[in-house]
């Protein structure tokens, strides 16, 4: 059954809010664990989605990509992290960055279990649960794979900076000022979808085969 735009937004709204909220809170929590209290002091280590919503990146752009049927794309307000305040800035940056994609992986597993539960759920809620579970899996897997791209300021870029030797990490980090421009160009030229699709499909198949 083909869903209307309103139905799609209703199905996707909760998974999107959970995905971006837990992702950003995870960054803040791990940064706090390694010594940076910036996110904690600004009240960003929270599951309150209002604290993390970016009106364009969290609401308008995802709604547009859902309506157009392309790869889901969007972002939240980045959790502030002062890497200089980490106990071991270059090493700990990896764990702070990896926390976001790791949270999305765990949430994708959760939504796979929702799909599994929907099979035996009462008929009145079974179909909406299955649709929401599928949406939740897709959103979190796309966010995980997207954020692991080795392009600053994405999490994968931070991980790369952490792993690269200093003489390569410093010039690579300068790409951050152009990162979102590069992403937008890749999105609207269709290159981003072609790059992400094989990885998204592989993770989706792995999780679904094990947990759903």
N, C-alpha and C. Protein backbone atom coordinates (compact mmCIF):
# COMPACT_ATOMS: atom_id res chain seq x y z
N UNK A 1 0.84 -1.20 0.00
CA UNK A 1 0.00 0.00 0.00
C UNK A 1 0.87 1.24 0.00
N UNK A 2 0.63 2.12 -0.95
CA UNK A 2 1.40 3.36 -1.07
C UNK A 2 0.96 4.35 0.01
N UNK A 3 1.93 4.85 0.77
CA UNK A 3 1.63 5.79 1.84
C UNK A 3 1.60 7.22 1.31
N UNK A 4 0.71 8.03 1.88
CA UNK A 4 0.70 9.45 1.55
C UNK A 4 1.87 10.13 2.23
N UNK A 5 2.16 11.37 1.83
CA UNK A 5 3.27 12.11 2.44
C UNK A 5 3.05 12.27 3.94
N UNK A 6 1.81 12.59 4.34
CA UNK A 6 1.51 12.77 5.77
C UNK A 6 1.76 11.47 6.53
N UNK A 7 1.33 10.34 5.95
CA UNK A 7 1.54 9.05 6.61
C UNK A 7 3.03 8.74 6.75
N UNK A 8 3.80 9.06 5.71
CA UNK A 8 5.25 8.84 5.77
C UNK A 8 5.89 9.66 6.87
N UNK A 9 5.48 10.92 6.98
CA UNK A 9 6.04 11.80 8.01
C UNK A 9 5.70 11.28 9.40
N UNK A 10 4.46 10.82 9.58
CA UNK A 10 4.06 10.26 10.87
C UNK A 10 4.89 9.03 11.21
N UNK A 11 5.10 8.15 10.25
CA UNK A 11 5.87 6.93 10.47
C UNK A 11 7.34 7.25 10.78
N UNK A 12 7.90 8.24 10.08
CA UNK A 12 9.33 8.54 10.22
C UNK A 12 9.65 9.47 11.37
N UNK A 13 8.68 10.23 11.87
CA UNK A 13 8.97 11.30 12.84
C UNK A 13 9.65 10.77 14.09
N UNK A 14 9.05 9.75 14.72
CA UNK A 14 9.61 9.23 15.97
C UNK A 14 11.00 8.61 15.78
N UNK A 15 11.20 7.75 14.77
CA UNK A 15 12.55 7.21 14.55
C UNK A 15 13.59 8.29 14.29
N UNK A 16 13.22 9.33 13.53
CA UNK A 16 14.19 10.40 13.26
C UNK A 16 14.57 11.12 14.54
N UNK A 17 13.56 11.48 15.35
CA UNK A 17 13.84 12.19 16.59
C UNK A 17 14.73 11.36 17.53
N UNK A 18 14.41 10.06 17.66
CA UNK A 18 15.23 9.20 18.50
C UNK A 18 16.65 9.08 17.94
N UNK A 19 16.75 8.94 16.62
CA UNK A 19 18.06 8.72 15.99
C UNK A 19 18.99 9.90 16.24
N UNK A 20 18.51 11.11 15.99
CA UNK A 20 19.39 12.28 16.14
C UNK A 20 19.63 12.60 17.62
N UNK A 21 18.62 12.38 18.47
CA UNK A 21 18.75 12.71 19.88
C UNK A 21 19.77 11.81 20.56
N UNK A 22 19.63 10.51 20.38
CA UNK A 22 20.55 9.57 21.02
C UNK A 22 21.95 9.73 20.43
N UNK A 23 22.05 9.95 19.12
CA UNK A 23 23.34 10.15 18.46
C UNK A 23 24.10 11.30 19.10
N UNK A 24 23.43 12.46 19.22
CA UNK A 24 24.11 13.64 19.77
C UNK A 24 24.39 13.49 21.25
N UNK A 25 23.43 12.94 22.01
CA UNK A 25 23.66 12.73 23.44
C UNK A 25 24.83 11.78 23.67
N UNK A 26 24.99 10.78 22.81
CA UNK A 26 26.10 9.84 22.94
C UNK A 26 27.44 10.54 22.80
N UNK A 27 27.55 11.46 21.83
CA UNK A 27 28.79 12.24 21.70
C UNK A 27 29.09 12.99 23.00
N UNK A 28 28.07 13.67 23.53
CA UNK A 28 28.26 14.45 24.74
C UNK A 28 28.63 13.60 25.94
N UNK A 29 27.98 12.46 26.07
CA UNK A 29 28.25 11.58 27.21
C UNK A 29 29.68 11.06 27.18
N UNK A 30 30.14 10.62 26.00
CA UNK A 30 31.49 10.08 25.89
C UNK A 30 32.52 11.20 26.07
N UNK A 31 32.23 12.40 25.55
CA UNK A 31 33.14 13.53 25.77
C UNK A 31 33.27 13.82 27.27
N UNK A 32 32.15 13.78 27.98
CA UNK A 32 32.18 13.99 29.43
C UNK A 32 33.00 12.90 30.12
N UNK A 33 32.84 11.66 29.67
CA UNK A 33 33.59 10.54 30.24
C UNK A 33 35.10 10.76 30.10
N UNK A 34 35.51 11.35 28.97
CA UNK A 34 36.94 11.56 28.72
C UNK A 34 37.42 12.94 29.15
N UNK A 35 36.58 13.69 29.86
CA UNK A 35 37.07 14.90 30.51
C UNK A 35 36.55 16.22 30.01
N UNK A 36 35.80 16.25 28.91
CA UNK A 36 35.27 17.53 28.40
C UNK A 36 33.83 17.72 28.88
N UNK A 37 33.61 18.75 29.68
CA UNK A 37 32.30 18.99 30.27
C UNK A 37 31.47 19.99 29.46
N UNK A 38 31.92 20.37 28.27
CA UNK A 38 31.25 21.43 27.51
C UNK A 38 29.78 21.08 27.24
N UNK A 39 29.52 19.93 26.68
CA UNK A 39 28.15 19.53 26.36
C UNK A 39 27.31 19.40 27.63
N UNK A 40 27.89 18.86 28.67
CA UNK A 40 27.18 18.72 29.95
C UNK A 40 26.79 20.08 30.50
N UNK A 41 27.71 21.02 30.48
CA UNK A 41 27.44 22.35 31.02
C UNK A 41 26.40 23.11 30.20
N UNK A 42 26.25 22.77 28.93
CA UNK A 42 25.26 23.43 28.07
C UNK A 42 23.94 22.65 28.01
N UNK A 43 23.82 21.61 28.82
CA UNK A 43 22.58 20.84 28.87
C UNK A 43 22.31 20.01 27.65
N UNK A 44 23.37 19.59 26.93
CA UNK A 44 23.18 18.84 25.69
C UNK A 44 23.28 17.32 25.87
N UNK A 45 23.62 16.86 27.08
CA UNK A 45 23.61 15.41 27.31
C UNK A 45 22.22 15.07 27.81
N UNK A 46 21.28 15.01 26.90
CA UNK A 46 19.89 14.82 27.24
C UNK A 46 19.17 14.11 26.11
N UNK A 47 18.10 13.40 26.46
CA UNK A 47 17.27 12.76 25.44
C UNK A 47 16.09 13.64 25.05
N UNK A 48 16.10 14.89 25.47
CA UNK A 48 15.09 15.86 25.04
C UNK A 48 15.41 16.31 23.62
N UNK A 49 14.61 15.91 22.61
CA UNK A 49 14.95 16.22 21.22
C UNK A 49 14.99 17.72 20.92
N UNK A 50 14.25 18.52 21.69
CA UNK A 50 14.22 19.96 21.45
C UNK A 50 15.63 20.55 21.54
N UNK A 51 16.46 19.99 22.40
CA UNK A 51 17.82 20.49 22.58
C UNK A 51 18.71 20.23 21.36
N UNK A 52 18.31 19.27 20.52
CA UNK A 52 19.19 18.85 19.43
C UNK A 52 18.65 19.21 18.03
N UNK A 53 17.41 19.67 17.96
CA UNK A 53 16.78 19.89 16.66
C UNK A 53 17.35 21.11 15.95
N UNK A 54 17.70 20.93 14.71
CA UNK A 54 18.03 22.03 13.80
C UNK A 54 16.84 22.15 12.85
N UNK A 55 16.15 23.29 12.80
CA UNK A 55 14.91 23.39 12.02
C UNK A 55 15.06 22.94 10.56
N UNK A 56 16.16 23.29 9.94
CA UNK A 56 16.36 22.89 8.54
C UNK A 56 16.87 21.46 8.45
N UNK A 57 17.96 21.16 9.16
CA UNK A 57 18.61 19.86 9.00
C UNK A 57 17.86 18.70 9.59
N UNK A 58 17.04 18.95 10.65
CA UNK A 58 16.34 17.87 11.32
C UNK A 58 14.91 17.71 10.85
N UNK A 59 14.31 18.79 10.35
CA UNK A 59 12.88 18.75 9.99
C UNK A 59 12.67 18.93 8.49
N UNK A 60 13.06 20.08 7.96
CA UNK A 60 12.73 20.39 6.57
C UNK A 60 13.46 19.50 5.56
N UNK A 61 14.76 19.34 5.72
CA UNK A 61 15.52 18.55 4.74
C UNK A 61 15.14 17.07 4.76
N UNK A 62 15.03 16.41 5.94
CA UNK A 62 14.56 15.03 5.92
C UNK A 62 13.17 14.87 5.31
N UNK A 63 12.25 15.82 5.63
CA UNK A 63 10.91 15.75 5.04
C UNK A 63 10.97 15.86 3.52
N UNK A 64 11.85 16.73 3.03
CA UNK A 64 12.00 16.89 1.58
C UNK A 64 12.55 15.63 0.93
N UNK A 65 13.57 15.02 1.56
CA UNK A 65 14.16 13.82 0.96
C UNK A 65 13.18 12.64 1.02
N UNK A 66 12.37 12.57 2.09
CA UNK A 66 11.33 11.52 2.16
C UNK A 66 10.30 11.73 1.06
N UNK A 67 9.89 12.98 0.86
CA UNK A 67 8.88 13.30 -0.16
C UNK A 67 9.38 12.98 -1.56
N UNK A 68 10.68 13.23 -1.80
CA UNK A 68 11.24 13.02 -3.13
C UNK A 68 11.66 11.56 -3.35
N UNK A 69 11.69 10.79 -2.27
CA UNK A 69 12.01 9.37 -2.41
C UNK A 69 13.50 9.09 -2.52
N UNK A 70 14.35 10.07 -2.23
CA UNK A 70 15.79 9.85 -2.29
C UNK A 70 16.33 9.31 -0.99
N UNK A 71 17.66 9.28 -0.86
CA UNK A 71 18.28 8.82 0.36
C UNK A 71 17.99 9.82 1.47
N UNK A 72 17.58 9.32 2.62
CA UNK A 72 17.26 10.19 3.74
C UNK A 72 18.50 10.96 4.16
N UNK A 73 18.36 12.27 4.32
CA UNK A 73 19.52 13.10 4.63
C UNK A 73 19.11 14.18 5.60
N UNK A 74 19.96 14.47 6.55
CA UNK A 74 19.67 15.53 7.50
C UNK A 74 20.72 15.55 8.59
N UNK A 75 20.55 16.47 9.55
CA UNK A 75 21.49 16.57 10.66
C UNK A 75 20.82 17.26 11.83
N UNK A 76 21.43 17.15 12.98
CA UNK A 76 20.98 17.86 14.18
C UNK A 76 22.00 18.94 14.52
N UNK A 77 21.68 19.75 15.53
CA UNK A 77 22.66 20.71 16.02
C UNK A 77 23.81 19.92 16.65
N UNK A 78 25.03 20.12 16.17
CA UNK A 78 26.15 19.34 16.73
C UNK A 78 26.32 19.61 18.22
N UNK A 79 26.57 18.55 18.97
CA UNK A 79 26.90 18.71 20.38
C UNK A 79 28.27 19.36 20.48
N UNK A 80 28.40 20.42 21.28
CA UNK A 80 29.70 21.09 21.39
C UNK A 80 30.72 20.22 22.13
N UNK A 81 31.85 20.01 21.50
CA UNK A 81 32.94 19.26 22.12
C UNK A 81 34.21 20.08 21.99
N UNK A 82 34.87 20.33 23.09
CA UNK A 82 36.18 20.99 23.09
C UNK A 82 37.23 19.90 23.21
N UNK A 83 37.79 19.51 22.07
CA UNK A 83 38.71 18.37 22.07
C UNK A 83 39.96 18.65 22.90
N UNK A 84 40.33 19.92 23.06
CA UNK A 84 41.51 20.25 23.86
C UNK A 84 41.31 19.92 25.33
N UNK A 85 40.05 19.79 25.76
CA UNK A 85 39.77 19.49 27.16
C UNK A 85 39.73 17.98 27.43
N UNK A 86 39.78 17.18 26.40
CA UNK A 86 39.86 15.73 26.60
C UNK A 86 41.20 15.38 27.23
N UNK A 87 41.23 14.33 28.02
CA UNK A 87 42.47 13.97 28.71
C UNK A 87 43.59 13.65 27.73
N UNK A 88 43.24 13.00 26.63
CA UNK A 88 44.22 12.71 25.58
C UNK A 88 43.54 13.09 24.26
N UNK A 89 43.61 14.38 23.86
CA UNK A 89 42.75 14.89 22.79
C UNK A 89 42.75 14.07 21.51
N UNK A 90 43.90 13.75 20.97
CA UNK A 90 43.94 13.07 19.68
C UNK A 90 43.42 11.64 19.78
N UNK A 91 43.78 10.95 20.85
CA UNK A 91 43.33 9.57 21.03
C UNK A 91 41.85 9.51 21.39
N UNK A 92 41.43 10.35 22.33
CA UNK A 92 40.04 10.31 22.81
C UNK A 92 39.04 10.81 21.77
N UNK A 93 39.50 11.63 20.82
CA UNK A 93 38.64 12.11 19.75
C UNK A 93 37.98 10.95 19.01
N UNK A 94 38.72 9.86 18.84
CA UNK A 94 38.19 8.70 18.13
C UNK A 94 36.94 8.17 18.83
N UNK A 95 37.01 8.03 20.16
CA UNK A 95 35.89 7.44 20.91
C UNK A 95 34.70 8.39 20.96
N UNK A 96 34.97 9.69 21.09
CA UNK A 96 33.88 10.66 21.08
C UNK A 96 33.16 10.62 19.73
N UNK A 97 33.93 10.58 18.65
CA UNK A 97 33.34 10.56 17.30
C UNK A 97 32.59 9.26 17.04
N UNK A 98 33.18 8.14 17.46
CA UNK A 98 32.58 6.83 17.17
C UNK A 98 31.30 6.59 17.96
N UNK A 99 31.09 7.34 19.05
CA UNK A 99 29.92 7.11 19.89
C UNK A 99 28.62 7.33 19.13
N UNK A 100 28.58 8.33 18.25
CA UNK A 100 27.36 8.61 17.50
C UNK A 100 26.96 7.47 16.58
N UNK A 101 27.84 7.07 15.64
CA UNK A 101 27.50 5.93 14.77
C UNK A 101 27.23 4.65 15.55
N UNK A 102 27.95 4.43 16.65
CA UNK A 102 27.70 3.23 17.45
C UNK A 102 26.28 3.25 18.02
N UNK A 103 25.83 4.43 18.45
CA UNK A 103 24.46 4.52 18.98
C UNK A 103 23.44 4.24 17.89
N UNK A 104 23.72 4.69 16.66
CA UNK A 104 22.80 4.42 15.55
C UNK A 104 22.75 2.93 15.22
N UNK A 105 23.88 2.25 15.34
CA UNK A 105 23.91 0.81 15.10
C UNK A 105 23.04 0.08 16.13
N UNK A 106 23.15 0.47 17.39
CA UNK A 106 22.34 -0.15 18.43
C UNK A 106 20.86 0.15 18.23
N UNK A 107 20.54 1.37 17.80
CA UNK A 107 19.14 1.70 17.55
C UNK A 107 18.59 0.95 16.35
N UNK A 108 19.42 0.71 15.35
CA UNK A 108 18.98 -0.09 14.21
C UNK A 108 18.60 -1.49 14.65
N UNK A 109 19.39 -2.05 15.57
CA UNK A 109 19.07 -3.36 16.13
C UNK A 109 17.74 -3.31 16.89
N UNK A 110 17.54 -2.24 17.68
CA UNK A 110 16.28 -2.08 18.41
C UNK A 110 15.10 -2.08 17.45
N UNK A 111 15.19 -1.34 16.36
CA UNK A 111 14.06 -1.26 15.41
C UNK A 111 13.87 -2.58 14.67
N UNK A 112 14.95 -3.33 14.48
CA UNK A 112 14.81 -4.67 13.90
C UNK A 112 13.99 -5.57 14.82
N UNK A 113 14.22 -5.41 16.13
CA UNK A 113 13.44 -6.19 17.11
C UNK A 113 11.99 -5.74 17.13
N UNK A 114 11.74 -4.45 16.88
CA UNK A 114 10.36 -3.96 16.77
C UNK A 114 9.66 -4.64 15.60
N UNK A 115 10.36 -4.77 14.48
CA UNK A 115 9.79 -5.47 13.32
C UNK A 115 9.45 -6.92 13.70
N UNK A 116 10.37 -7.56 14.41
CA UNK A 116 10.13 -8.94 14.83
C UNK A 116 8.92 -9.04 15.74
N UNK A 117 8.79 -8.08 16.66
CA UNK A 117 7.66 -8.06 17.58
C UNK A 117 6.35 -7.82 16.83
N UNK A 118 6.40 -7.01 15.78
CA UNK A 118 5.17 -6.66 15.05
C UNK A 118 4.49 -7.88 14.43
N UNK A 119 5.27 -8.92 14.17
CA UNK A 119 4.70 -10.12 13.55
C UNK A 119 3.64 -10.76 14.45
N UNK A 120 3.89 -10.71 15.77
CA UNK A 120 2.95 -11.32 16.71
C UNK A 120 2.12 -10.29 17.46
N UNK A 121 2.21 -9.02 17.06
CA UNK A 121 1.45 -7.96 17.74
C UNK A 121 -0.01 -8.00 17.32
N UNK A 122 -0.88 -7.38 18.11
CA UNK A 122 -2.30 -7.30 17.71
C UNK A 122 -2.43 -6.65 16.33
N UNK A 123 -3.41 -7.12 15.59
CA UNK A 123 -3.57 -6.70 14.20
C UNK A 123 -3.66 -5.19 14.04
N UNK A 124 -4.27 -4.51 15.00
CA UNK A 124 -4.49 -3.07 14.88
C UNK A 124 -3.19 -2.28 14.86
N UNK A 125 -2.13 -2.81 15.50
CA UNK A 125 -0.87 -2.07 15.56
C UNK A 125 0.27 -2.75 14.81
N UNK A 126 0.03 -3.95 14.31
CA UNK A 126 1.11 -4.72 13.68
C UNK A 126 1.70 -4.01 12.47
N UNK A 127 0.84 -3.56 11.57
CA UNK A 127 1.34 -2.93 10.34
C UNK A 127 2.06 -1.61 10.61
N UNK A 128 1.47 -0.69 11.42
CA UNK A 128 2.21 0.55 11.74
C UNK A 128 3.54 0.28 12.44
N UNK A 129 3.57 -0.72 13.34
CA UNK A 129 4.82 -1.06 14.02
C UNK A 129 5.88 -1.54 13.03
N UNK A 130 5.45 -2.39 12.10
CA UNK A 130 6.39 -2.90 11.10
C UNK A 130 6.94 -1.77 10.24
N UNK A 131 6.06 -0.85 9.82
CA UNK A 131 6.52 0.28 9.02
C UNK A 131 7.48 1.17 9.80
N UNK A 132 7.14 1.44 11.07
CA UNK A 132 8.01 2.28 11.89
C UNK A 132 9.35 1.59 12.16
N UNK A 133 9.30 0.27 12.37
CA UNK A 133 10.54 -0.46 12.58
C UNK A 133 11.43 -0.41 11.35
N UNK A 134 10.82 -0.58 10.19
CA UNK A 134 11.61 -0.51 8.95
C UNK A 134 12.19 0.89 8.76
N UNK A 135 11.39 1.92 9.04
CA UNK A 135 11.87 3.29 8.95
C UNK A 135 13.02 3.53 9.93
N UNK A 136 12.86 3.04 11.17
CA UNK A 136 13.89 3.21 12.17
C UNK A 136 15.19 2.54 11.78
N UNK A 137 15.09 1.33 11.24
CA UNK A 137 16.30 0.65 10.76
C UNK A 137 16.97 1.46 9.67
N UNK A 138 16.20 1.89 8.68
CA UNK A 138 16.77 2.61 7.54
C UNK A 138 17.43 3.92 7.98
N UNK A 139 16.73 4.68 8.82
CA UNK A 139 17.25 5.98 9.27
C UNK A 139 18.57 5.80 10.00
N UNK A 140 18.61 4.87 10.94
CA UNK A 140 19.81 4.71 11.75
C UNK A 140 20.97 4.13 10.96
N UNK A 141 20.68 3.23 10.04
CA UNK A 141 21.77 2.68 9.23
C UNK A 141 22.32 3.74 8.30
N UNK A 142 21.44 4.54 7.69
CA UNK A 142 21.91 5.62 6.81
C UNK A 142 22.74 6.62 7.61
N UNK A 143 22.26 7.02 8.79
CA UNK A 143 23.01 7.96 9.61
C UNK A 143 24.35 7.39 10.03
N UNK A 144 24.38 6.12 10.38
CA UNK A 144 25.64 5.50 10.78
C UNK A 144 26.64 5.51 9.63
N UNK A 145 26.20 5.03 8.46
CA UNK A 145 27.11 4.95 7.32
C UNK A 145 27.52 6.35 6.85
N UNK A 146 26.55 7.26 6.79
CA UNK A 146 26.86 8.63 6.38
C UNK A 146 27.90 9.26 7.29
N UNK A 147 27.69 9.12 8.60
CA UNK A 147 28.60 9.76 9.54
C UNK A 147 29.97 9.11 9.59
N UNK A 148 30.09 7.89 9.07
CA UNK A 148 31.39 7.23 9.03
C UNK A 148 32.20 7.59 7.79
N UNK A 149 31.62 8.40 6.89
CA UNK A 149 32.42 8.87 5.75
C UNK A 149 33.62 9.66 6.26
N UNK A 150 34.81 9.42 5.73
CA UNK A 150 36.01 10.10 6.24
C UNK A 150 36.12 11.53 5.72
N UNK A 151 35.17 12.35 6.14
CA UNK A 151 35.13 13.74 5.70
C UNK A 151 34.79 14.62 6.90
N UNK A 152 35.72 15.46 7.36
CA UNK A 152 35.37 16.39 8.45
C UNK A 152 34.26 17.33 7.97
N UNK A 153 33.29 17.69 8.80
CA UNK A 153 33.20 17.45 10.24
C UNK A 153 32.41 16.21 10.62
N UNK A 154 32.18 15.28 9.68
CA UNK A 154 31.49 14.05 10.01
C UNK A 154 32.32 13.23 10.99
N UNK A 155 31.66 12.31 11.67
CA UNK A 155 32.35 11.50 12.67
C UNK A 155 33.50 10.70 12.05
N UNK A 156 33.29 10.22 10.84
CA UNK A 156 34.36 9.48 10.17
C UNK A 156 35.58 10.35 9.92
N UNK A 157 35.35 11.64 9.66
CA UNK A 157 36.47 12.57 9.50
C UNK A 157 37.23 12.75 10.80
N UNK A 158 36.49 12.84 11.92
CA UNK A 158 37.15 12.96 13.23
C UNK A 158 37.95 11.70 13.54
N UNK A 159 37.37 10.54 13.22
CA UNK A 159 38.08 9.28 13.45
C UNK A 159 39.36 9.24 12.63
N UNK A 160 39.27 9.69 11.37
CA UNK A 160 40.46 9.71 10.51
C UNK A 160 41.53 10.64 11.07
N UNK A 161 41.11 11.82 11.56
CA UNK A 161 42.07 12.76 12.15
C UNK A 161 42.76 12.13 13.35
N UNK A 162 41.98 11.39 14.16
CA UNK A 162 42.55 10.73 15.33
C UNK A 162 43.58 9.68 14.95
N UNK A 163 43.34 8.98 13.85
CA UNK A 163 44.21 7.87 13.47
C UNK A 163 45.42 8.30 12.63
N UNK A 164 45.28 9.41 11.91
CA UNK A 164 46.37 9.85 11.04
C UNK A 164 47.52 10.43 11.86
N UNK A 165 48.75 10.30 11.37
CA UNK A 165 49.87 10.99 12.04
C UNK A 165 49.69 12.51 11.94
N UNK A 166 50.29 13.23 12.86
CA UNK A 166 50.05 14.67 12.96
C UNK A 166 50.31 15.43 11.67
N UNK A 167 51.34 15.05 10.94
CA UNK A 167 51.69 15.81 9.73
C UNK A 167 50.64 15.63 8.63
N UNK A 168 49.81 14.60 8.73
CA UNK A 168 48.70 14.41 7.78
C UNK A 168 47.37 14.85 8.40
N UNK A 169 47.23 14.66 9.71
CA UNK A 169 45.96 14.98 10.37
C UNK A 169 45.66 16.47 10.31
N UNK A 170 46.67 17.31 10.51
CA UNK A 170 46.42 18.75 10.56
C UNK A 170 45.92 19.32 9.23
N UNK A 171 46.56 19.02 8.09
CA UNK A 171 46.00 19.52 6.83
C UNK A 171 44.66 18.88 6.48
N UNK A 172 44.47 17.61 6.84
CA UNK A 172 43.19 16.95 6.58
C UNK A 172 42.07 17.63 7.34
N UNK A 173 42.36 18.06 8.56
CA UNK A 173 41.34 18.73 9.39
C UNK A 173 40.87 20.04 8.78
N UNK A 174 41.69 20.63 7.91
CA UNK A 174 41.30 21.90 7.29
C UNK A 174 40.13 21.75 6.31
N UNK A 175 39.84 20.51 5.92
CA UNK A 175 38.69 20.25 5.05
C UNK A 175 37.36 20.56 5.73
N UNK A 176 37.38 20.67 7.06
CA UNK A 176 36.13 20.81 7.81
C UNK A 176 35.32 22.02 7.35
N UNK A 177 35.99 23.11 7.01
CA UNK A 177 35.25 24.32 6.61
C UNK A 177 34.46 24.11 5.32
N UNK A 178 34.84 23.11 4.52
CA UNK A 178 34.14 22.84 3.26
C UNK A 178 33.28 21.58 3.33
N UNK A 179 33.27 20.91 4.49
CA UNK A 179 32.66 19.59 4.58
C UNK A 179 31.19 19.54 4.18
N UNK A 180 30.37 20.44 4.74
CA UNK A 180 28.94 20.40 4.45
C UNK A 180 28.64 20.83 3.01
N UNK A 181 29.44 21.73 2.47
CA UNK A 181 29.27 22.12 1.07
C UNK A 181 29.52 20.91 0.17
N UNK A 182 30.59 20.17 0.48
CA UNK A 182 30.90 18.97 -0.30
C UNK A 182 29.76 17.96 -0.21
N UNK A 183 29.21 17.78 1.01
CA UNK A 183 28.12 16.83 1.21
C UNK A 183 26.88 17.21 0.41
N UNK A 184 26.51 18.48 0.43
CA UNK A 184 25.32 18.94 -0.28
C UNK A 184 25.50 18.73 -1.78
N UNK A 185 26.69 19.03 -2.29
CA UNK A 185 26.96 18.81 -3.72
C UNK A 185 26.85 17.33 -4.06
N UNK A 186 27.44 16.47 -3.22
CA UNK A 186 27.37 15.03 -3.46
C UNK A 186 25.93 14.53 -3.40
N UNK A 187 25.13 15.10 -2.48
CA UNK A 187 23.74 14.68 -2.36
C UNK A 187 22.94 15.00 -3.61
N UNK A 188 23.01 16.24 -4.07
CA UNK A 188 22.16 16.67 -5.17
C UNK A 188 22.68 16.25 -6.54
N UNK A 189 23.91 15.75 -6.60
CA UNK A 189 24.40 15.18 -7.86
C UNK A 189 24.17 13.67 -7.91
N UNK A 190 23.68 13.09 -6.80
CA UNK A 190 23.40 11.66 -6.77
C UNK A 190 24.61 10.81 -6.41
N UNK A 191 25.78 11.44 -6.26
CA UNK A 191 26.99 10.68 -5.96
C UNK A 191 26.92 10.09 -4.55
N UNK A 192 26.37 10.86 -3.62
CA UNK A 192 26.31 10.40 -2.23
C UNK A 192 25.52 9.10 -2.12
N UNK A 193 24.37 9.04 -2.78
CA UNK A 193 23.57 7.83 -2.74
C UNK A 193 24.30 6.62 -3.30
N UNK A 194 25.01 6.84 -4.41
CA UNK A 194 25.74 5.72 -5.03
C UNK A 194 26.87 5.22 -4.14
N UNK A 195 27.48 6.14 -3.39
CA UNK A 195 28.57 5.75 -2.48
C UNK A 195 28.01 5.00 -1.27
N UNK A 196 26.91 5.51 -0.71
CA UNK A 196 26.38 4.94 0.54
C UNK A 196 25.60 3.66 0.34
N UNK A 197 24.88 3.53 -0.76
CA UNK A 197 23.94 2.43 -0.95
C UNK A 197 24.53 1.04 -0.69
N UNK A 198 25.70 0.70 -1.24
CA UNK A 198 26.22 -0.66 -0.99
C UNK A 198 26.47 -0.94 0.49
N UNK A 199 26.98 0.06 1.22
CA UNK A 199 27.26 -0.12 2.64
C UNK A 199 25.96 -0.18 3.45
N UNK A 200 25.00 0.68 3.10
CA UNK A 200 23.71 0.67 3.77
C UNK A 200 23.03 -0.68 3.59
N UNK A 201 23.02 -1.18 2.37
CA UNK A 201 22.38 -2.47 2.09
C UNK A 201 23.07 -3.61 2.82
N UNK A 202 24.41 -3.56 2.92
CA UNK A 202 25.14 -4.63 3.59
C UNK A 202 24.82 -4.64 5.09
N UNK A 203 24.79 -3.47 5.72
CA UNK A 203 24.49 -3.40 7.16
C UNK A 203 23.04 -3.80 7.41
N UNK A 204 22.14 -3.32 6.55
CA UNK A 204 20.73 -3.65 6.67
C UNK A 204 20.54 -5.17 6.62
N UNK A 205 21.16 -5.82 5.65
CA UNK A 205 21.03 -7.27 5.50
C UNK A 205 21.61 -8.01 6.70
N UNK A 206 22.75 -7.53 7.21
CA UNK A 206 23.37 -8.17 8.36
C UNK A 206 22.46 -8.11 9.59
N UNK A 207 21.97 -6.92 9.91
CA UNK A 207 21.13 -6.76 11.11
C UNK A 207 19.82 -7.53 10.95
N UNK A 208 19.21 -7.40 9.77
CA UNK A 208 17.90 -8.04 9.57
C UNK A 208 18.02 -9.56 9.63
N UNK A 209 19.13 -10.09 9.10
CA UNK A 209 19.28 -11.55 9.11
C UNK A 209 19.52 -12.10 10.51
N UNK A 210 20.10 -11.30 11.38
CA UNK A 210 20.43 -11.76 12.73
C UNK A 210 19.31 -11.48 13.73
N UNK A 211 18.70 -10.29 13.63
CA UNK A 211 17.80 -9.85 14.68
C UNK A 211 16.32 -9.81 14.32
N UNK A 212 16.00 -9.77 13.04
CA UNK A 212 14.59 -9.62 12.67
C UNK A 212 13.99 -10.94 12.20
